[in-house]
Amino acid sequence: MIRIRPAETADLPSALSIIRQTQEIFKTQGIDQWQNGYPNLQTLQHDLAHGWGRVLEEDGQTVAYFALSFDGEPN
């Protein structure tokens, strides 16, 4: 079963692991996105503090993290 739910502090290690894996994939493919230390733990903590962090779970396992905000993106 797949579900999306608000992220919690306990989800941060899994979310950071997913992000680091993605950074490595991007790097090996020559994609420069996320190669400057962003996003990091502080980014995810900021997401959680604003209620933006979400995780996608498949059969109880976190497989994705994203921030859902309708405030706009400064970048």
PDB file of N, CA and C in Angstrom:
ATOM      1  N   MET A   1       0.837  -1.178   0.000  1.00  0.00           N
ATOM      2  CA  MET A   1       0.000   0.000   0.000  1.00  0.00           C
ATOM      3  C   MET A   1       0.886   1.247   0.000  1.00  0.00           C
ATOM      4  N   ILE A   2       0.516   2.211  -0.787  1.00  0.00           N
ATOM      5  CA  ILE A   2       1.250   3.467  -0.879  1.00  0.00           C
ATOM      6  C   ILE A   2       0.451   4.558  -0.179  1.00  0.00           C
ATOM      7  N   ARG A   3       1.154   5.362   0.614  1.00  0.00           N
ATOM      8  CA  ARG A   3       0.488   6.504   1.245  1.00  0.00           C
ATOM      9  C   ARG A   3       1.472   7.651   1.398  1.00  0.00           C
ATOM     10  N   ILE A   4       0.925   8.843   1.390  1.00  0.00           N
ATOM     11  CA  ILE A   4       1.687  10.062   1.635  1.00  0.00           C
ATOM     12  C   ILE A   4       1.201  10.626   2.958  1.00  0.00           C
ATOM     13  N   ARG A   5       2.160  11.015   3.800  1.00  0.00           N
ATOM     14  CA  ARG A   5       1.793  11.560   5.106  1.00  0.00           C
ATOM     15  C   ARG A   5       2.764  12.670   5.485  1.00  0.00           C
ATOM     16  N   PRO A   6       2.365  13.496   6.452  1.00  0.00           N
ATOM     17  CA  PRO A   6       3.295  14.520   6.937  1.00  0.00           C
ATOM     18  C   PRO A   6       4.555  13.869   7.519  1.00  0.00           C
ATOM     19  N   ALA A   7       5.693  14.442   7.223  1.00  0.00           N
ATOM     20  CA  ALA A   7       6.956  13.937   7.765  1.00  0.00           C
ATOM     21  C   ALA A   7       7.074  14.319   9.236  1.00  0.00           C
ATOM     22  N   GLU A   8       7.790  13.483   9.967  1.00  0.00           N
ATOM     23  CA  GLU A   8       8.048  13.701  11.386  1.00  0.00           C
ATOM     24  C   GLU A   8       9.557  13.687  11.608  1.00  0.00           C
ATOM     25  N   THR A   9       9.978  14.145  12.758  1.00  0.00           N
ATOM     26  CA  THR A   9      11.402  14.158  13.085  1.00  0.00           C
ATOM     27  C   THR A   9      12.025  12.777  12.920  1.00  0.00           C
ATOM     28  N   ALA A  10      11.301  11.736  13.267  1.00  0.00           N
ATOM     29  CA  ALA A  10      11.814  10.370  13.140  1.00  0.00           C
ATOM     30  C   ALA A  10      12.079   9.976  11.687  1.00  0.00           C
ATOM     31  N   ASP A  11      11.505  10.698  10.735  1.00  0.00           N
ATOM     32  CA  ASP A  11      11.701  10.407   9.310  1.00  0.00           C
ATOM     33  C   ASP A  11      12.977  11.030   8.745  1.00  0.00           C
ATOM     34  N   LEU A  12      13.602  11.929   9.481  1.00  0.00           N
ATOM     35  CA  LEU A  12      14.745  12.668   8.942  1.00  0.00           C
ATOM     36  C   LEU A  12      15.908  11.779   8.501  1.00  0.00           C
ATOM     37  N   PRO A  13      16.301  10.750   9.264  1.00  0.00           N
ATOM     38  CA  PRO A  13      17.401   9.902   8.778  1.00  0.00           C
ATOM     39  C   PRO A  13      17.092   9.242   7.429  1.00  0.00           C
ATOM     40  N   SER A  14      15.893   8.735   7.267  1.00  0.00           N
ATOM     41  CA  SER A  14      15.516   8.118   5.987  1.00  0.00           C
ATOM     42  C   SER A  14      15.483   9.147   4.873  1.00  0.00           C
ATOM     43  N   ALA A  15      14.924  10.309   5.150  1.00  0.00           N
ATOM     44  CA  ALA A  15      14.835  11.360   4.139  1.00  0.00           C
ATOM     45  C   ALA A  15      16.228  11.811   3.709  1.00  0.00           C
ATOM     46  N   LEU A  16      17.125  11.989   4.667  1.00  0.00           N
ATOM     47  CA  LEU A  16      18.496  12.400   4.331  1.00  0.00           C
ATOM     48  C   LEU A  16      19.219  11.323   3.533  1.00  0.00           C
ATOM     49  N   SER A  17      18.971  10.069   3.856  1.00  0.00           N
ATOM     50  CA  SER A  17      19.572   8.972   3.103  1.00  0.00           C
ATOM     51  C   SER A  17      19.101   8.987   1.653  1.00  0.00           C
ATOM     52  N   ILE A  18      17.819   9.197   1.447  1.00  0.00           N
ATOM     53  CA  ILE A  18      17.259   9.281   0.094  1.00  0.00           C
ATOM     54  C   ILE A  18      17.888  10.454  -0.657  1.00  0.00           C
ATOM     55  N   ILE A  19      18.013  11.585   0.006  1.00  0.00           N
ATOM     56  CA  ILE A  19      18.602  12.768  -0.633  1.00  0.00           C
ATOM     57  C   ILE A  19      20.061  12.516  -0.995  1.00  0.00           C
ATOM     58  N   ARG A  20      20.820  11.912  -0.099  1.00  0.00           N
ATOM     59  CA  ARG A  20      22.235  11.629  -0.381  1.00  0.00           C
ATOM     60  C   ARG A  20      22.382  10.659  -1.552  1.00  0.00           C
ATOM     61  N   GLN A  21      21.514   9.648  -1.604  1.00  0.00           N
ATOM     62  CA  GLN A  21      21.542   8.714  -2.734  1.00  0.00           C
ATOM     63  C   GLN A  21      21.259   9.450  -4.042  1.00  0.00           C
ATOM     64  N   THR A  22      20.298  10.340  -3.998  1.00  0.00           N
ATOM     65  CA  THR A  22      19.945  11.110  -5.190  1.00  0.00           C
ATOM     66  C   THR A  22      21.091  12.022  -5.606  1.00  0.00           C
ATOM     67  N   GLN A  23      21.748  12.643  -4.631  1.00  0.00           N
ATOM     68  CA  GLN A  23      22.900  13.495  -4.936  1.00  0.00           C
ATOM     69  C   GLN A  23      23.992  12.698  -5.650  1.00  0.00           C
ATOM     70  N   GLU A  24      24.228  11.479  -5.205  1.00  0.00           N
ATOM     71  CA  GLU A  24      25.241  10.633  -5.844  1.00  0.00           C
ATOM     72  C   GLU A  24      24.838  10.263  -7.268  1.00  0.00           C
ATOM     73  N   ILE A  25      23.582   9.931  -7.461  1.00  0.00           N
ATOM     74  CA  ILE A  25      23.092   9.609  -8.807  1.00  0.00           C
ATOM     75  C   ILE A  25      23.264  10.815  -9.719  1.00  0.00           C
ATOM     76  N   PHE A  26      22.858  11.982  -9.234  1.00  0.00           N
ATOM     77  CA  PHE A  26      23.014  13.206 -10.025  1.00  0.00           C
ATOM     78  C   PHE A  26      24.487  13.422 -10.392  1.00  0.00           C
ATOM     79  N   LYS A  27      25.360  13.254  -9.411  1.00  0.00           N
ATOM     80  CA  LYS A  27      26.790  13.483  -9.634  1.00  0.00           C
ATOM     81  C   LYS A  27      27.334  12.553 -10.715  1.00  0.00           C
ATOM     82  N   THR A  28      26.994  11.273 -10.634  1.00  0.00           N
ATOM     83  CA  THR A  28      27.504  10.318 -11.621  1.00  0.00           C
ATOM     84  C   THR A  28      26.938  10.574 -13.016  1.00  0.00           C
ATOM     85  N   GLN A  29      25.788  11.239 -13.076  1.00  0.00           N
ATOM     86  CA  GLN A  29      25.178  11.549 -14.370  1.00  0.00           C
ATOM     87  C   GLN A  29      25.547  12.950 -14.870  1.00  0.00           C
ATOM     88  N   GLY A  30      26.428  13.625 -14.131  1.00  0.00           N
ATOM     89  CA  GLY A  30      26.876  14.949 -14.549  1.00  0.00           C
ATOM     90  C   GLY A  30      25.854  16.052 -14.320  1.00  0.00           C
ATOM     91  N   ILE A  31      24.902  15.802 -13.436  1.00  0.00           N
ATOM     92  CA  ILE A  31      23.877  16.799 -13.106  1.00  0.00           C
ATOM     93  C   ILE A  31      24.369  17.581 -11.892  1.00  0.00           C
ATOM     94  N   ASP A  32      24.443  18.897 -12.003  1.00  0.00           N
ATOM     95  CA  ASP A  32      25.004  19.684 -10.900  1.00  0.00           C
ATOM     96  C   ASP A  32      23.989  20.069  -9.826  1.00  0.00           C
ATOM     97  N   GLN A  33      22.740  19.715 -10.018  1.00  0.00           N
ATOM     98  CA  GLN A  33      21.715  20.011  -9.012  1.00  0.00           C
ATOM     99  C   GLN A  33      22.039  19.277  -7.712  1.00  0.00           C
ATOM    100  N   TRP A  34      21.868  19.969  -6.584  1.00  0.00           N
ATOM    101  CA  TRP A  34      22.051  19.431  -5.237  1.00  0.00           C
ATOM    102  C   TRP A  34      23.500  19.061  -4.936  1.00  0.00           C
ATOM    103  N   GLN A  35      24.463  19.644  -5.635  1.00  0.00           N
ATOM    104  CA  GLN A  35      25.864  19.318  -5.401  1.00  0.00           C
ATOM    105  C   GLN A  35      26.552  20.338  -4.499  1.00  0.00           C
ATOM    106  N   ASN A  36      25.799  21.291  -3.968  1.00  0.00           N
ATOM    107  CA  ASN A  36      26.385  22.350  -3.136  1.00  0.00           C
ATOM    108  C   ASN A  36      26.008  22.235  -1.659  1.00  0.00           C
ATOM    109  N   GLY A  37      25.590  21.059  -1.217  1.00  0.00           N
ATOM    110  CA  GLY A  37      25.220  20.883   0.182  1.00  0.00           C
ATOM    111  C   GLY A  37      23.747  21.105   0.474  1.00  0.00           C
ATOM    112  N   TYR A  38      22.995  21.457  -0.529  1.00  0.00           N
ATOM    113  CA  TYR A  38      21.545  21.655  -0.394  1.00  0.00           C
ATOM    114  C   TYR A  38      20.839  20.528  -1.125  1.00  0.00           C
ATOM    115  N   PRO A  39      19.806  19.986  -0.568  1.00  0.00           N
ATOM    116  CA  PRO A  39      19.254  20.210   0.766  1.00  0.00           C
ATOM    117  C   PRO A  39      20.048  19.450   1.827  1.00  0.00           C
ATOM    118  N   ASN A  40      19.903  19.884   3.061  1.00  0.00           N
ATOM    119  CA  ASN A  40      20.610  19.264   4.174  1.00  0.00           C
ATOM    120  C   ASN A  40      19.653  19.128   5.365  1.00  0.00           C
ATOM    121  N   LEU A  41      20.194  18.718   6.499  1.00  0.00           N
ATOM    122  CA  LEU A  41      19.363  18.513   7.690  1.00  0.00           C
ATOM    123  C   LEU A  41      18.603  19.777   8.064  1.00  0.00           C
ATOM    124  N   GLN A  42      19.265  20.919   8.007  1.00  0.00           N
ATOM    125  CA  GLN A  42      18.600  22.172   8.371  1.00  0.00           C
ATOM    126  C   GLN A  42      17.443  22.479   7.412  1.00  0.00           C
ATOM    127  N   THR A  43      17.620  22.153   6.152  1.00  0.00           N
ATOM    128  CA  THR A  43      16.553  22.351   5.169  1.00  0.00           C
ATOM    129  C   THR A  43      15.329  21.521   5.540  1.00  0.00           C
ATOM    130  N   LEU A  44      15.560  20.255   5.874  1.00  0.00           N
ATOM    131  CA  LEU A  44      14.449  19.371   6.226  1.00  0.00           C
ATOM    132  C   LEU A  44      13.801  19.799   7.539  1.00  0.00           C
ATOM    133  N   GLN A  45      14.604  20.231   8.505  1.00  0.00           N
ATOM    134  CA  GLN A  45      14.046  20.717   9.766  1.00  0.00           C
ATOM    135  C   GLN A  45      13.185  21.955   9.522  1.00  0.00           C
ATOM    136  N   HIS A  46      13.614  22.819   8.623  1.00  0.00           N
ATOM    137  CA  HIS A  46      12.837  24.002   8.250  1.00  0.00           C
ATOM    138  C   HIS A  46      11.507  23.572   7.624  1.00  0.00           C
ATOM    139  N   ASP A  47      11.566  22.586   6.729  1.00  0.00           N
ATOM    140  CA  ASP A  47      10.343  22.053   6.117  1.00  0.00           C
ATOM    141  C   ASP A  47       9.369  21.561   7.184  1.00  0.00           C
ATOM    142  N   LEU A  48       9.882  20.783   8.135  1.00  0.00           N
ATOM    143  CA  LEU A  48       9.025  20.238   9.183  1.00  0.00           C
ATOM    144  C   LEU A  48       8.438  21.341  10.049  1.00  0.00           C
ATOM    145  N   ALA A  49       9.252  22.333  10.387  1.00  0.00           N
ATOM    146  CA  ALA A  49       8.789  23.434  11.234  1.00  0.00           C
ATOM    147  C   ALA A  49       7.639  24.199  10.591  1.00  0.00           C
ATOM    148  N   HIS A  50       7.621  24.229   9.258  1.00  0.00           N
ATOM    149  CA  HIS A  50       6.560  24.929   8.539  1.00  0.00           C
ATOM    150  C   HIS A  50       5.428  24.007   8.084  1.00  0.00           C
ATOM    151  N   GLY A  51       5.541  22.717   8.417  1.00  0.00           N
ATOM    152  CA  GLY A  51       4.497  21.770   8.034  1.00  0.00           C
ATOM    153  C   GLY A  51       4.534  21.371   6.569  1.00  0.00           C
ATOM    154  N   TRP A  52       5.681  21.561   5.906  1.00  0.00           N
ATOM    155  CA  TRP A  52       5.799  21.276   4.473  1.00  0.00           C
ATOM    156  C   TRP A  52       6.283  19.867   4.172  1.00  0.00           C
ATOM    157  N   GLY A  53       7.034  19.255   5.081  1.00  0.00           N
ATOM    158  CA  GLY A  53       7.655  17.960   4.812  1.00  0.00           C
ATOM    159  C   GLY A  53       6.634  16.845   4.660  1.00  0.00           C
ATOM    160  N   ARG A  54       6.854  16.011   3.647  1.00  0.00           N
ATOM    161  CA  ARG A  54       5.994  14.856   3.389  1.00  0.00           C
ATOM    162  C   ARG A  54       6.873  13.652   3.072  1.00  0.00           C
ATOM    163  N   VAL A  55       6.391  12.475   3.438  1.00  0.00           N
ATOM    164  CA  VAL A  55       7.050  11.242   3.029  1.00  0.00           C
ATOM    165  C   VAL A  55       6.051  10.377   2.287  1.00  0.00           C
ATOM    166  N   LEU A  56       6.576   9.636   1.334  1.00  0.00           N
ATOM    167  CA  LEU A  56       5.785   8.649   0.623  1.00  0.00           C
ATOM    168  C   LEU A  56       6.244   7.298   1.134  1.00  0.00           C
ATOM    169  N   GLU A  57       5.301   6.512   1.614  1.00  0.00           N
ATOM    170  CA  GLU A  57       5.606   5.186   2.134  1.00  0.00           C
ATOM    171  C   GLU A  57       5.010   4.127   1.220  1.00  0.00           C
ATOM    172  N   GLU A  58       5.765   3.057   1.051  1.00  0.00           N
ATOM    173  CA  GLU A  58       5.259   1.885   0.349  1.00  0.00           C
ATOM    174  C   GLU A  58       5.407   0.706   1.293  1.00  0.00           C
ATOM    175  N   ASP A  59       4.285   0.119   1.663  1.00  0.00           N
ATOM    176  CA  ASP A  59       4.269  -0.991   2.619  1.00  0.00           C
ATOM    177  C   ASP A  59       5.025  -0.641   3.900  1.00  0.00           C
ATOM    178  N   GLY A  60       4.830   0.582   4.393  1.00  0.00           N
ATOM    179  CA  GLY A  60       5.423   1.022   5.644  1.00  0.00           C
ATOM    180  C   GLY A  60       6.863   1.493   5.547  1.00  0.00           C
ATOM    181  N   GLN A  61       7.469   1.416   4.371  1.00  0.00           N
ATOM    182  CA  GLN A  61       8.860   1.823   4.154  1.00  0.00           C
ATOM    183  C   GLN A  61       8.891   3.188   3.471  1.00  0.00           C
ATOM    184  N   THR A  62       9.659   4.119   4.025  1.00  0.00           N
ATOM    185  CA  THR A  62       9.797   5.433   3.397  1.00  0.00           C
ATOM    186  C   THR A  62      10.608   5.294   2.121  1.00  0.00           C
ATOM    187  N   VAL A  63      10.016   5.722   1.002  1.00  0.00           N
ATOM    188  CA  VAL A  63      10.700   5.618  -0.293  1.00  0.00           C
ATOM    189  C   VAL A  63      10.906   6.978  -0.953  1.00  0.00           C
ATOM    190  N   ALA A  64      10.296   8.032  -0.406  1.00  0.00           N
ATOM    191  CA  ALA A  64      10.475   9.362  -0.983  1.00  0.00           C
ATOM    192  C   ALA A  64      10.184  10.422   0.069  1.00  0.00           C
ATOM    193  N   TYR A  65      10.826  11.562  -0.107  1.00  0.00           N
ATOM    194  CA  TYR A  65      10.588  12.736   0.729  1.00  0.00           C
ATOM    195  C   TYR A  65      10.400  13.924  -0.200  1.00  0.00           C
ATOM    196  N   PHE A  66       9.483  14.807   0.165  1.00  0.00           N
ATOM    197  CA  PHE A  66       9.331  16.053  -0.580  1.00  0.00           C
ATOM    198  C   PHE A  66       8.745  17.117   0.326  1.00  0.00           C
ATOM    199  N   ALA A  67       8.924  18.360  -0.081  1.00  0.00           N
ATOM    200  CA  ALA A  67       8.331  19.490   0.623  1.00  0.00           C
ATOM    201  C   ALA A  67       7.190  20.019  -0.230  1.00  0.00           C
ATOM    202  N   LEU A  68       6.054  20.201   0.392  1.00  0.00           N
ATOM    203  CA  LEU A  68       4.869  20.719  -0.290  1.00  0.00           C
ATOM    204  C   LEU A  68       4.541  22.080   0.308  1.00  0.00           C
ATOM    205  N   SER A  69       4.792  23.119  -0.474  1.00  0.00           N
ATOM    206  CA  SER A  69       4.555  24.481  -0.018  1.00  0.00           C
ATOM    207  C   SER A  69       3.883  25.266  -1.128  1.00  0.00           C
ATOM    208  N   PHE A  70       2.973  26.116  -0.738  1.00  0.00           N
ATOM    209  CA  PHE A  70       2.301  26.982  -1.694  1.00  0.00           C
ATOM    210  C   PHE A  70       2.757  28.431  -1.523  1.00  0.00           C
ATOM    211  N   ASP A  71       3.905  28.607  -0.833  1.00  0.00           N
ATOM    212  CA  ASP A  71       4.448  29.937  -0.568  1.00  0.00           C
ATOM    213  C   ASP A  71       5.391  30.430  -1.656  1.00  0.00           C
ATOM    214  N   GLY A  72       5.668  29.614  -2.643  1.00  0.00           N
ATOM    215  CA  GLY A  72       6.586  30.009  -3.706  1.00  0.00           C
ATOM    216  C   GLY A  72       7.992  29.529  -3.430  1.00  0.00           C
ATOM    217  N   GLU A  73       8.802  29.517  -4.469  1.00  0.00           N
ATOM    218  CA  GLU A  73      10.189  29.060  -4.384  1.00  0.00           C
ATOM    219  C   GLU A  73      11.103  30.225  -4.737  1.00  0.00           C
ATOM    220  N   PRO A  74      11.996  30.631  -3.815  1.00  0.00           N
ATOM    221  CA  PRO A  74      12.849  31.785  -4.085  1.00  0.00           C
ATOM    222  C   PRO A  74      13.879  31.534  -5.185  1.00  0.00           C
ATOM    223  N   ASN A  75      14.162  30.277  -5.469  1.00  0.00           N
ATOM    224  CA  ASN A  75      15.163  29.963  -6.496  1.00  0.00           C
ATOM    225  C   ASN A  75      14.474  29.797  -7.807  1.00  0.00           C
TER     226      ASN A  75
END
